[in-house]
Amino acid sequence: MDNSARIATIERHTMETRIVLQLELDGTGCAELSTGVPFFEHMLSQVARHGLMDIHLKARGDVEIDAHHLVEDVGIVFGQAFHQVLGNKAGLRRYAHAYVPLDEALSRVVIDCSGRPGLYYNVSWPRARIGEFDVDLMREFFQGFVNHAMVTLHIDNLRGQNAHHMAETLFKAFGRAIHDATRIVLPLSAIPSTKGLL
């Protein structure tokens, strides 16, 4: 990991998936993605663009079964990279939220870089699939991220009828909340906690 540039590269190889992910937290919104799951790539590109981070991802998995293992494992690797780039969290804003609309859909994401994994996910999908993509896998991605990023994450879809619109608002708001929470706003000697440790 490059602490000054907040860049991390993580590899994960299992019997089900092979993943290499590089995350540059202070990027320009560039996403170079190869997963074999086009809708998932579309969502990850929203995270990169609206979170102003660069994500370079090559992932292969047993998608002939379904995309579950690949999507979950990408969440795990993304969380590991995120945890690495934050280091001891000195100077970090720590908390942030974002509301994002897309036509009739509106979602809110709130994040706390707390050191405690917790996902609170409130989304009622109007259908089970967006194209070939199973909407249940979105929760699996966020759960994998939270468990390894060591953050508390509240995800709420406040309204929506079009599942594609709803999904985009979730991922865009996720990117925006990450960006805002990870800005350095305090002296680098300051840990944003009365405990002195996160």
N, C-alpha and C. Protein backbone atom coordinates (compact mmCIF):
# COMPACT_ATOMS: atom_id res chain seq x y z
N MET A 1 0.83 -1.20 0.00
CA MET A 1 0.00 0.00 0.00
C MET A 1 0.87 1.24 0.00
N ASP A 2 0.45 2.26 -0.76
CA ASP A 2 1.11 3.56 -0.78
C ASP A 2 0.28 4.49 0.12
N ASN A 3 0.77 4.77 1.35
CA ASN A 3 0.00 5.55 2.30
C ASN A 3 -0.24 6.97 1.82
N SER A 4 0.79 7.59 1.18
CA SER A 4 0.65 8.98 0.77
C SER A 4 -0.40 9.11 -0.32
N ALA A 5 -0.46 8.16 -1.22
CA ALA A 5 -1.41 8.25 -2.34
C ALA A 5 -2.71 7.52 -2.06
N ARG A 6 -2.80 6.78 -0.96
CA ARG A 6 -3.98 6.00 -0.59
C ARG A 6 -4.40 5.07 -1.74
N ILE A 7 -3.45 4.20 -2.08
CA ILE A 7 -3.66 3.19 -3.12
C ILE A 7 -3.39 1.83 -2.50
N ALA A 8 -4.25 0.86 -2.81
CA ALA A 8 -4.01 -0.51 -2.36
C ALA A 8 -4.40 -1.47 -3.47
N THR A 9 -3.66 -2.58 -3.55
CA THR A 9 -3.98 -3.66 -4.48
C THR A 9 -4.17 -4.94 -3.68
N ILE A 10 -5.28 -5.61 -3.95
CA ILE A 10 -5.63 -6.84 -3.25
C ILE A 10 -5.88 -7.94 -4.27
N GLU A 11 -5.36 -9.13 -3.98
CA GLU A 11 -5.66 -10.30 -4.80
C GLU A 11 -6.36 -11.34 -3.93
N ARG A 12 -7.33 -12.02 -4.52
CA ARG A 12 -8.04 -13.10 -3.84
C ARG A 12 -8.26 -14.23 -4.83
N HIS A 13 -7.71 -15.38 -4.51
CA HIS A 13 -7.86 -16.56 -5.36
C HIS A 13 -8.47 -17.67 -4.53
N THR A 14 -9.64 -18.15 -4.93
CA THR A 14 -10.29 -19.27 -4.26
C THR A 14 -10.67 -20.31 -5.31
N MET A 15 -11.30 -21.36 -4.87
CA MET A 15 -11.80 -22.38 -5.81
C MET A 15 -12.96 -21.84 -6.65
N GLU A 16 -13.52 -20.70 -6.23
CA GLU A 16 -14.69 -20.15 -6.91
C GLU A 16 -14.39 -18.88 -7.71
N THR A 17 -13.43 -18.10 -7.26
CA THR A 17 -13.14 -16.83 -7.92
C THR A 17 -11.64 -16.53 -7.94
N ARG A 18 -11.25 -15.69 -8.90
CA ARG A 18 -9.89 -15.14 -8.97
C ARG A 18 -10.05 -13.64 -9.23
N ILE A 19 -9.56 -12.85 -8.28
CA ILE A 19 -9.82 -11.42 -8.32
C ILE A 19 -8.54 -10.64 -8.04
N VAL A 20 -8.33 -9.59 -8.83
CA VAL A 20 -7.29 -8.60 -8.56
C VAL A 20 -7.96 -7.23 -8.63
N LEU A 21 -7.84 -6.46 -7.55
CA LEU A 21 -8.47 -5.14 -7.49
C LEU A 21 -7.46 -4.12 -7.00
N GLN A 22 -7.36 -3.01 -7.71
CA GLN A 22 -6.58 -1.87 -7.24
C GLN A 22 -7.54 -0.71 -7.00
N LEU A 23 -7.44 -0.13 -5.81
CA LEU A 23 -8.26 1.01 -5.44
C LEU A 23 -7.37 2.21 -5.18
N GLU A 24 -7.65 3.30 -5.86
CA GLU A 24 -7.00 4.59 -5.58
C GLU A 24 -8.09 5.52 -5.05
N LEU A 25 -8.06 5.77 -3.76
CA LEU A 25 -9.15 6.49 -3.12
C LEU A 25 -9.26 7.93 -3.60
N ASP A 26 -8.13 8.54 -3.90
CA ASP A 26 -8.13 9.94 -4.34
C ASP A 26 -7.88 9.98 -5.85
N GLY A 27 -8.85 9.49 -6.58
CA GLY A 27 -8.69 9.36 -8.02
C GLY A 27 -9.51 10.39 -8.79
N THR A 28 -9.86 10.00 -10.01
CA THR A 28 -10.61 10.90 -10.89
C THR A 28 -11.94 10.31 -11.33
N GLY A 29 -12.27 9.12 -10.83
CA GLY A 29 -13.52 8.48 -11.23
C GLY A 29 -13.35 7.46 -12.34
N CYS A 30 -12.13 6.99 -12.52
CA CYS A 30 -11.83 6.03 -13.58
C CYS A 30 -12.17 4.61 -13.11
N ALA A 31 -12.85 3.85 -13.96
CA ALA A 31 -13.15 2.45 -13.66
C ALA A 31 -12.75 1.60 -14.85
N GLU A 32 -11.82 0.67 -14.63
CA GLU A 32 -11.45 -0.34 -15.62
C GLU A 32 -11.85 -1.67 -15.03
N LEU A 33 -12.94 -2.24 -15.56
CA LEU A 33 -13.60 -3.37 -14.92
C LEU A 33 -13.76 -4.52 -15.90
N SER A 34 -13.43 -5.71 -15.43
CA SER A 34 -13.64 -6.92 -16.22
C SER A 34 -14.09 -8.02 -15.27
N THR A 35 -15.40 -8.31 -15.28
CA THR A 35 -15.96 -9.32 -14.39
C THR A 35 -16.78 -10.37 -15.10
N GLY A 36 -17.21 -10.08 -16.32
CA GLY A 36 -18.14 -10.99 -16.99
C GLY A 36 -19.58 -10.80 -16.56
N VAL A 37 -19.84 -9.79 -15.71
CA VAL A 37 -21.21 -9.51 -15.25
C VAL A 37 -21.49 -8.03 -15.57
N PRO A 38 -22.02 -7.74 -16.75
CA PRO A 38 -22.11 -6.35 -17.22
C PRO A 38 -22.88 -5.41 -16.30
N PHE A 39 -24.01 -5.84 -15.75
CA PHE A 39 -24.77 -4.93 -14.89
C PHE A 39 -23.99 -4.58 -13.63
N PHE A 40 -23.28 -5.55 -13.07
CA PHE A 40 -22.45 -5.30 -11.89
C PHE A 40 -21.35 -4.29 -12.22
N GLU A 41 -20.74 -4.43 -13.37
CA GLU A 41 -19.73 -3.46 -13.79
C GLU A 41 -20.34 -2.06 -13.91
N HIS A 42 -21.56 -1.99 -14.43
CA HIS A 42 -22.25 -0.71 -14.55
C HIS A 42 -22.42 -0.07 -13.17
N MET A 43 -22.75 -0.87 -12.16
CA MET A 43 -22.92 -0.34 -10.81
C MET A 43 -21.57 0.09 -10.21
N LEU A 44 -20.54 -0.71 -10.39
CA LEU A 44 -19.23 -0.35 -9.85
C LEU A 44 -18.68 0.91 -10.52
N SER A 45 -19.00 1.10 -11.79
CA SER A 45 -18.55 2.32 -12.46
C SER A 45 -19.23 3.55 -11.85
N GLN A 46 -20.45 3.39 -11.33
CA GLN A 46 -21.11 4.50 -10.65
C GLN A 46 -20.38 4.85 -9.34
N VAL A 47 -19.94 3.82 -8.62
CA VAL A 47 -19.19 4.05 -7.39
C VAL A 47 -17.92 4.84 -7.68
N ALA A 48 -17.19 4.42 -8.71
CA ALA A 48 -15.94 5.10 -9.05
C ALA A 48 -16.20 6.55 -9.48
N ARG A 49 -17.14 6.73 -10.41
CA ARG A 49 -17.36 8.06 -10.96
C ARG A 49 -17.87 9.04 -9.91
N HIS A 50 -18.85 8.61 -9.12
CA HIS A 50 -19.47 9.54 -8.18
C HIS A 50 -18.70 9.63 -6.86
N GLY A 51 -17.83 8.66 -6.62
CA GLY A 51 -16.95 8.72 -5.46
C GLY A 51 -15.58 9.28 -5.76
N LEU A 52 -15.33 9.63 -7.03
CA LEU A 52 -14.03 10.17 -7.46
C LEU A 52 -12.88 9.29 -6.98
N MET A 53 -13.05 7.98 -7.17
CA MET A 53 -11.99 7.03 -6.88
C MET A 53 -11.72 6.23 -8.14
N ASP A 54 -10.54 5.67 -8.25
CA ASP A 54 -10.20 4.84 -9.40
C ASP A 54 -10.22 3.39 -8.98
N ILE A 55 -10.93 2.57 -9.76
CA ILE A 55 -11.05 1.14 -9.48
C ILE A 55 -10.61 0.38 -10.72
N HIS A 56 -9.59 -0.45 -10.54
CA HIS A 56 -9.12 -1.34 -11.60
C HIS A 56 -9.38 -2.76 -11.11
N LEU A 57 -10.21 -3.49 -11.83
CA LEU A 57 -10.69 -4.78 -11.36
C LEU A 57 -10.68 -5.81 -12.47
N LYS A 58 -10.03 -6.94 -12.19
CA LYS A 58 -10.14 -8.13 -13.05
C LYS A 58 -10.65 -9.26 -12.18
N ALA A 59 -11.79 -9.80 -12.53
CA ALA A 59 -12.41 -10.84 -11.71
C ALA A 59 -13.02 -11.91 -12.61
N ARG A 60 -12.77 -13.15 -12.21
CA ARG A 60 -13.39 -14.29 -12.88
C ARG A 60 -13.96 -15.21 -11.82
N GLY A 61 -15.10 -15.79 -12.11
CA GLY A 61 -15.71 -16.68 -11.15
C GLY A 61 -16.61 -17.69 -11.82
N ASP A 62 -17.25 -18.51 -11.00
CA ASP A 62 -18.11 -19.58 -11.51
C ASP A 62 -19.49 -19.04 -11.86
N VAL A 63 -19.51 -18.07 -12.78
CA VAL A 63 -20.77 -17.43 -13.15
C VAL A 63 -21.68 -18.36 -13.94
N GLU A 64 -21.15 -19.50 -14.38
CA GLU A 64 -22.03 -20.47 -15.04
C GLU A 64 -23.02 -21.05 -14.03
N ILE A 65 -22.69 -20.99 -12.74
CA ILE A 65 -23.64 -21.37 -11.69
C ILE A 65 -24.57 -20.19 -11.45
N ASP A 66 -24.02 -19.11 -10.96
CA ASP A 66 -24.63 -17.78 -10.95
C ASP A 66 -23.55 -16.81 -10.51
N ALA A 67 -23.90 -15.54 -10.39
CA ALA A 67 -22.89 -14.52 -10.11
C ALA A 67 -22.64 -14.31 -8.61
N HIS A 68 -23.25 -15.13 -7.77
CA HIS A 68 -23.19 -14.90 -6.33
C HIS A 68 -21.77 -14.84 -5.79
N HIS A 69 -20.97 -15.87 -6.06
CA HIS A 69 -19.62 -15.92 -5.50
C HIS A 69 -18.78 -14.75 -5.98
N LEU A 70 -18.90 -14.43 -7.26
CA LEU A 70 -18.08 -13.34 -7.82
C LEU A 70 -18.46 -12.00 -7.20
N VAL A 71 -19.75 -11.71 -7.13
CA VAL A 71 -20.19 -10.41 -6.59
C VAL A 71 -19.82 -10.29 -5.12
N GLU A 72 -20.05 -11.33 -4.34
CA GLU A 72 -19.70 -11.29 -2.92
C GLU A 72 -18.19 -11.12 -2.73
N ASP A 73 -17.40 -11.86 -3.50
CA ASP A 73 -15.95 -11.79 -3.33
C ASP A 73 -15.37 -10.45 -3.78
N VAL A 74 -15.97 -9.84 -4.79
CA VAL A 74 -15.54 -8.49 -5.16
C VAL A 74 -15.84 -7.53 -4.01
N GLY A 75 -16.98 -7.68 -3.36
CA GLY A 75 -17.27 -6.87 -2.18
C GLY A 75 -16.23 -7.05 -1.09
N ILE A 76 -15.82 -8.31 -0.86
CA ILE A 76 -14.79 -8.61 0.14
C ILE A 76 -13.48 -7.92 -0.20
N VAL A 77 -13.05 -8.05 -1.44
CA VAL A 77 -11.77 -7.49 -1.87
C VAL A 77 -11.81 -5.96 -1.86
N PHE A 78 -12.92 -5.39 -2.29
CA PHE A 78 -13.08 -3.94 -2.24
C PHE A 78 -13.00 -3.46 -0.79
N GLY A 79 -13.65 -4.19 0.13
CA GLY A 79 -13.58 -3.83 1.54
C GLY A 79 -12.17 -3.93 2.09
N GLN A 80 -11.44 -4.97 1.71
CA GLN A 80 -10.05 -5.11 2.17
C GLN A 80 -9.18 -3.97 1.68
N ALA A 81 -9.35 -3.59 0.41
CA ALA A 81 -8.58 -2.48 -0.13
C ALA A 81 -8.93 -1.17 0.58
N PHE A 82 -10.21 -0.96 0.81
CA PHE A 82 -10.66 0.25 1.51
C PHE A 82 -10.06 0.31 2.91
N HIS A 83 -10.10 -0.79 3.62
CA HIS A 83 -9.54 -0.85 4.98
C HIS A 83 -8.04 -0.52 4.96
N GLN A 84 -7.34 -1.04 3.97
CA GLN A 84 -5.90 -0.76 3.87
C GLN A 84 -5.61 0.70 3.63
N VAL A 85 -6.33 1.31 2.67
CA VAL A 85 -5.99 2.68 2.31
C VAL A 85 -6.29 3.67 3.43
N LEU A 86 -7.22 3.33 4.32
CA LEU A 86 -7.53 4.25 5.41
C LEU A 86 -6.48 4.23 6.52
N GLY A 87 -5.72 3.14 6.61
CA GLY A 87 -4.68 3.07 7.64
C GLY A 87 -5.26 3.27 9.03
N ASN A 88 -4.64 4.17 9.82
CA ASN A 88 -5.13 4.38 11.19
C ASN A 88 -6.24 5.44 11.25
N LYS A 89 -6.64 5.95 10.09
CA LYS A 89 -7.76 6.90 9.95
C LYS A 89 -7.47 8.27 10.54
N ALA A 90 -6.21 8.59 10.74
CA ALA A 90 -5.85 9.90 11.26
C ALA A 90 -6.30 11.00 10.30
N GLY A 91 -6.91 12.02 10.87
CA GLY A 91 -7.36 13.18 10.09
C GLY A 91 -8.67 13.00 9.35
N LEU A 92 -9.23 11.81 9.42
CA LEU A 92 -10.38 11.45 8.61
C LEU A 92 -11.66 12.15 9.08
N ARG A 93 -12.51 12.53 8.13
CA ARG A 93 -13.82 13.05 8.49
C ARG A 93 -14.64 11.97 9.21
N ARG A 94 -14.54 10.75 8.76
CA ARG A 94 -15.12 9.54 9.36
C ARG A 94 -16.57 9.31 8.98
N TYR A 95 -17.46 10.26 9.16
CA TYR A 95 -18.89 10.09 8.89
C TYR A 95 -19.27 10.82 7.60
N ALA A 96 -20.26 10.28 6.90
CA ALA A 96 -20.84 11.02 5.78
C ALA A 96 -22.15 10.36 5.37
N HIS A 97 -22.93 11.14 4.66
CA HIS A 97 -24.17 10.60 4.08
C HIS A 97 -24.36 11.22 2.70
N ALA A 98 -25.15 10.52 1.90
CA ALA A 98 -25.47 11.04 0.57
C ALA A 98 -26.88 10.61 0.20
N TYR A 99 -27.63 11.56 -0.35
CA TYR A 99 -28.93 11.28 -0.96
C TYR A 99 -28.74 11.42 -2.47
N VAL A 100 -29.21 10.43 -3.21
CA VAL A 100 -29.10 10.51 -4.68
C VAL A 100 -30.45 10.14 -5.30
N PRO A 101 -30.97 11.01 -6.17
CA PRO A 101 -32.18 10.69 -6.93
C PRO A 101 -31.84 10.23 -8.34
N LEU A 102 -32.72 9.49 -8.92
CA LEU A 102 -32.71 9.23 -10.37
C LEU A 102 -34.17 9.09 -10.77
N ASP A 103 -34.68 10.13 -11.39
CA ASP A 103 -36.10 10.18 -11.75
C ASP A 103 -36.95 9.90 -10.51
N GLU A 104 -37.75 8.83 -10.52
CA GLU A 104 -38.66 8.57 -9.40
C GLU A 104 -37.98 7.92 -8.20
N ALA A 105 -36.75 7.46 -8.36
CA ALA A 105 -36.05 6.73 -7.30
C ALA A 105 -35.20 7.68 -6.46
N LEU A 106 -35.14 7.38 -5.16
CA LEU A 106 -34.33 8.17 -4.24
C LEU A 106 -33.76 7.24 -3.17
N SER A 107 -32.45 7.31 -2.97
CA SER A 107 -31.80 6.48 -1.95
C SER A 107 -30.88 7.32 -1.08
N ARG A 108 -30.66 6.80 0.13
CA ARG A 108 -29.77 7.44 1.10
C ARG A 108 -28.77 6.40 1.59
N VAL A 109 -27.51 6.79 1.64
CA VAL A 109 -26.46 5.94 2.21
C VAL A 109 -25.72 6.75 3.26
N VAL A 110 -25.55 6.17 4.44
CA VAL A 110 -24.84 6.79 5.55
C VAL A 110 -23.71 5.85 5.96
N ILE A 111 -22.50 6.38 6.10
CA ILE A 111 -21.34 5.56 6.44
C ILE A 111 -20.62 6.13 7.65
N ASP A 112 -20.11 5.22 8.46
CA ASP A 112 -19.24 5.57 9.58
C ASP A 112 -18.02 4.66 9.50
N CYS A 113 -16.86 5.23 9.31
CA CYS A 113 -15.62 4.44 9.26
C CYS A 113 -15.21 4.12 10.70
N SER A 114 -15.99 3.29 11.33
CA SER A 114 -16.00 3.12 12.78
C SER A 114 -15.05 2.05 13.28
N GLY A 115 -14.61 1.15 12.40
CA GLY A 115 -13.87 -0.01 12.85
C GLY A 115 -14.77 -1.15 13.29
N ARG A 116 -16.10 -0.96 13.16
CA ARG A 116 -17.08 -1.98 13.53
C ARG A 116 -17.95 -2.29 12.32
N PRO A 117 -17.94 -3.54 11.86
CA PRO A 117 -18.74 -3.88 10.69
C PRO A 117 -20.22 -3.98 11.03
N GLY A 118 -21.04 -3.28 10.26
CA GLY A 118 -22.49 -3.38 10.43
C GLY A 118 -23.18 -2.90 9.18
N LEU A 119 -24.07 -3.74 8.64
CA LEU A 119 -24.85 -3.37 7.46
C LEU A 119 -26.32 -3.32 7.85
N TYR A 120 -26.96 -2.20 7.54
CA TYR A 120 -28.39 -2.01 7.78
C TYR A 120 -28.99 -1.63 6.43
N TYR A 121 -29.67 -2.58 5.83
CA TYR A 121 -30.03 -2.53 4.41
C TYR A 121 -31.55 -2.61 4.30
N ASN A 122 -32.15 -1.55 3.79
CA ASN A 122 -33.60 -1.47 3.68
C ASN A 122 -33.98 -1.14 2.24
N VAL A 123 -34.13 -2.17 1.43
CA VAL A 123 -34.48 -2.01 0.02
C VAL A 123 -35.53 -3.07 -0.33
N SER A 124 -36.65 -2.63 -0.85
CA SER A 124 -37.69 -3.55 -1.33
C SER A 124 -37.76 -3.44 -2.84
N TRP A 125 -37.27 -4.48 -3.51
CA TRP A 125 -37.18 -4.45 -4.96
C TRP A 125 -38.53 -4.79 -5.61
N PRO A 126 -38.89 -4.09 -6.69
CA PRO A 126 -40.16 -4.40 -7.36
C PRO A 126 -40.09 -5.65 -8.23
N ARG A 127 -38.87 -6.13 -8.50
CA ARG A 127 -38.73 -7.37 -9.25
C ARG A 127 -37.44 -8.04 -8.83
N ALA A 128 -37.31 -9.32 -9.19
CA ALA A 128 -36.20 -10.14 -8.70
C ALA A 128 -34.93 -9.96 -9.52
N ARG A 129 -35.05 -9.51 -10.75
CA ARG A 129 -33.88 -9.41 -11.62
C ARG A 129 -33.90 -8.10 -12.40
N ILE A 130 -32.71 -7.60 -12.66
CA ILE A 130 -32.52 -6.49 -13.59
C ILE A 130 -31.74 -7.09 -14.75
N GLY A 131 -32.41 -7.32 -15.84
CA GLY A 131 -31.80 -8.12 -16.90
C GLY A 131 -31.55 -9.52 -16.37
N GLU A 132 -30.28 -9.95 -16.42
CA GLU A 132 -29.90 -11.26 -15.89
C GLU A 132 -29.37 -11.19 -14.46
N PHE A 133 -29.34 -9.99 -13.89
CA PHE A 133 -28.70 -9.79 -12.58
C PHE A 133 -29.72 -9.96 -11.46
N ASP A 134 -29.42 -10.84 -10.51
CA ASP A 134 -30.27 -11.10 -9.35
C ASP A 134 -30.09 -9.97 -8.34
N VAL A 135 -31.18 -9.26 -8.02
CA VAL A 135 -31.06 -8.10 -7.14
C VAL A 135 -30.61 -8.48 -5.73
N ASP A 136 -30.80 -9.73 -5.30
CA ASP A 136 -30.32 -10.16 -3.99
C ASP A 136 -28.81 -10.02 -3.86
N LEU A 137 -28.10 -10.05 -4.98
CA LEU A 137 -26.65 -10.00 -4.93
C LEU A 137 -26.13 -8.62 -4.52
N MET A 138 -26.96 -7.61 -4.64
CA MET A 138 -26.50 -6.29 -4.20
C MET A 138 -26.24 -6.28 -2.70
N ARG A 139 -27.14 -6.89 -1.95
CA ARG A 139 -26.90 -6.98 -0.50
C ARG A 139 -25.64 -7.79 -0.22
N GLU A 140 -25.39 -8.85 -0.98
CA GLU A 140 -24.19 -9.67 -0.77
C GLU A 140 -22.93 -8.86 -1.01
N PHE A 141 -22.94 -7.99 -2.03
CA PHE A 141 -21.79 -7.12 -2.28
C PHE A 141 -21.55 -6.20 -1.09
N PHE A 142 -22.59 -5.52 -0.64
CA PHE A 142 -22.43 -4.58 0.47
C PHE A 142 -22.03 -5.29 1.76
N GLN A 143 -22.56 -6.50 1.99
CA GLN A 143 -22.20 -7.24 3.19
C GLN A 143 -20.72 -7.64 3.16
N GLY A 144 -20.25 -8.10 2.01
CA GLY A 144 -18.84 -8.42 1.87
C GLY A 144 -17.96 -7.21 2.10
N PHE A 145 -18.37 -6.06 1.55
CA PHE A 145 -17.62 -4.82 1.74
C PHE A 145 -17.55 -4.45 3.22
N VAL A 146 -18.69 -4.40 3.87
CA VAL A 146 -18.77 -3.97 5.27
C VAL A 146 -17.92 -4.86 6.17
N ASN A 147 -18.01 -6.17 5.97
CA ASN A 147 -17.30 -7.11 6.84
C ASN A 147 -15.80 -6.90 6.81
N HIS A 148 -15.28 -6.45 5.67
CA HIS A 148 -13.83 -6.34 5.51
C HIS A 148 -13.33 -4.90 5.52
N ALA A 149 -14.20 -3.95 5.23
CA ALA A 149 -13.84 -2.53 5.36
C ALA A 149 -13.91 -2.08 6.81
N MET A 150 -14.64 -2.83 7.62
CA MET A 150 -14.83 -2.50 9.04
C MET A 150 -15.51 -1.14 9.18
N VAL A 151 -16.65 -1.00 8.50
CA VAL A 151 -17.44 0.22 8.56
C VAL A 151 -18.87 -0.13 8.94
N THR A 152 -19.58 0.88 9.42
CA THR A 152 -21.02 0.78 9.61
C THR A 152 -21.67 1.46 8.41
N LEU A 153 -22.63 0.77 7.78
CA LEU A 153 -23.23 1.27 6.55
C LEU A 153 -24.75 1.12 6.63
N HIS A 154 -25.45 2.23 6.48
CA HIS A 154 -26.92 2.23 6.41
C HIS A 154 -27.31 2.55 4.97
N ILE A 155 -28.07 1.66 4.37
CA ILE A 155 -28.51 1.82 2.98
C ILE A 155 -30.03 1.77 2.97
N ASP A 156 -30.65 2.85 2.52
CA ASP A 156 -32.11 2.92 2.47
C ASP A 156 -32.56 3.43 1.10
N ASN A 157 -33.38 2.63 0.43
CA ASN A 157 -34.09 3.16 -0.73
C ASN A 157 -35.37 3.79 -0.20
N LEU A 158 -35.51 5.09 -0.42
CA LEU A 158 -36.63 5.83 0.14
C LEU A 158 -37.86 5.77 -0.74
N ARG A 159 -37.64 5.67 -2.05
CA ARG A 159 -38.76 5.46 -2.97
C ARG A 159 -38.21 5.02 -4.30
N GLY A 160 -39.06 4.40 -5.10
CA GLY A 160 -38.66 3.98 -6.43
C GLY A 160 -39.61 2.93 -6.98
N GLN A 161 -39.71 2.90 -8.29
CA GLN A 161 -40.54 1.92 -8.98
C GLN A 161 -39.72 1.13 -10.01
N ASN A 162 -38.75 1.77 -10.60
CA ASN A 162 -37.90 1.14 -11.60
C ASN A 162 -36.66 0.58 -10.91
N ALA A 163 -36.49 -0.74 -10.97
CA ALA A 163 -35.40 -1.39 -10.23
C ALA A 163 -34.03 -0.91 -10.68
N HIS A 164 -33.86 -0.65 -11.97
CA HIS A 164 -32.58 -0.16 -12.48
C HIS A 164 -32.28 1.22 -11.86
N HIS A 165 -33.28 2.09 -11.85
CA HIS A 165 -33.08 3.41 -11.24
C HIS A 165 -32.73 3.29 -9.76
N MET A 166 -33.44 2.41 -9.07
CA MET A 166 -33.19 2.22 -7.64
C MET A 166 -31.75 1.76 -7.40
N ALA A 167 -31.30 0.80 -8.19
CA ALA A 167 -29.94 0.28 -8.03
C ALA A 167 -28.91 1.38 -8.27
N GLU A 168 -29.11 2.17 -9.30
CA GLU A 168 -28.15 3.25 -9.58
C GLU A 168 -28.08 4.24 -8.42
N THR A 169 -29.23 4.57 -7.82
CA THR A 169 -29.19 5.53 -6.72
C THR A 169 -28.44 4.95 -5.53
N LEU A 170 -28.56 3.64 -5.28
CA LEU A 170 -27.82 3.02 -4.18
C LEU A 170 -26.32 3.12 -4.39
N PHE A 171 -25.86 2.76 -5.57
CA PHE A 171 -24.42 2.72 -5.82
C PHE A 171 -23.83 4.11 -5.97
N LYS A 172 -24.57 5.03 -6.56
CA LYS A 172 -24.09 6.41 -6.64
C LYS A 172 -23.97 7.02 -5.25
N ALA A 173 -24.98 6.82 -4.42
CA ALA A 173 -24.94 7.36 -3.06
C ALA A 173 -23.83 6.71 -2.24
N PHE A 174 -23.60 5.43 -2.44
CA PHE A 174 -22.50 4.72 -1.78
C PHE A 174 -21.17 5.37 -2.14
N GLY A 175 -20.95 5.63 -3.42
CA GLY A 175 -19.72 6.29 -3.84
C GLY A 175 -19.55 7.67 -3.24
N ARG A 176 -20.64 8.46 -3.27
CA ARG A 176 -20.57 9.82 -2.71
C ARG A 176 -20.27 9.80 -1.22
N ALA A 177 -20.94 8.89 -0.49
CA ALA A 177 -20.73 8.82 0.96
C ALA A 177 -19.29 8.42 1.28
N ILE A 178 -18.75 7.45 0.54
CA ILE A 178 -17.35 7.05 0.74
C ILE A 178 -16.43 8.25 0.52
N HIS A 179 -16.66 8.94 -0.57
CA HIS A 179 -15.79 10.09 -0.88
C HIS A 179 -15.79 11.10 0.25
N ASP A 180 -16.97 11.47 0.70
CA ASP A 180 -17.06 12.52 1.71
C ASP A 180 -16.50 12.06 3.06
N ALA A 181 -16.73 10.81 3.42
CA ALA A 181 -16.27 10.31 4.72
C ALA A 181 -14.75 10.17 4.79
N THR A 182 -14.11 10.02 3.64
CA THR A 182 -12.68 9.73 3.63
C THR A 182 -11.82 10.97 3.36
N ARG A 183 -12.43 12.14 3.35
CA ARG A 183 -11.62 13.36 3.19
C ARG A 183 -10.82 13.60 4.48
N ILE A 184 -9.64 14.14 4.30
CA ILE A 184 -8.78 14.51 5.43
C ILE A 184 -9.15 15.94 5.83
N VAL A 185 -9.78 16.08 6.98
CA VAL A 185 -10.26 17.39 7.43
C VAL A 185 -9.70 17.79 8.78
N LEU A 186 -9.01 16.87 9.44
CA LEU A 186 -8.43 17.13 10.75
C LEU A 186 -6.91 17.06 10.65
N PRO A 187 -6.18 17.57 11.64
CA PRO A 187 -4.73 17.37 11.65
C PRO A 187 -4.40 15.89 11.59
N LEU A 188 -3.30 15.53 10.95
CA LEU A 188 -2.94 14.12 10.79
C LEU A 188 -2.57 13.45 12.10
N SER A 189 -2.47 14.23 13.16
CA SER A 189 -2.24 13.65 14.48
C SER A 189 -3.55 13.29 15.18
N ALA A 190 -4.68 13.68 14.57
CA ALA A 190 -5.98 13.54 15.24
C ALA A 190 -6.72 12.31 14.73
N ILE A 191 -7.09 11.41 15.64
CA ILE A 191 -7.95 10.28 15.33
C ILE A 191 -9.38 10.71 15.64
N PRO A 192 -10.33 10.57 14.71
CA PRO A 192 -11.69 11.09 14.93
C PRO A 192 -12.51 10.20 15.86
N SER A 193 -12.05 10.08 17.11
CA SER A 193 -12.75 9.30 18.12
C SER A 193 -12.24 9.71 19.49
N THR A 194 -13.15 9.79 20.46
CA THR A 194 -12.71 10.10 21.83
C THR A 194 -11.91 8.96 22.44
N LYS A 195 -12.01 7.77 21.84
CA LYS A 195 -11.20 6.63 22.31
C LYS A 195 -9.75 6.75 21.89
N GLY A 196 -9.49 7.56 20.84
CA GLY A 196 -8.14 7.68 20.32
C GLY A 196 -7.74 6.56 19.40
N LEU A 197 -8.71 5.70 19.03
CA LEU A 197 -8.43 4.56 18.17
C LEU A 197 -9.69 4.17 17.43
N LEU A 198 -9.56 3.87 16.14
CA LEU A 198 -10.67 3.37 15.34
C LEU A 198 -10.25 2.06 14.67
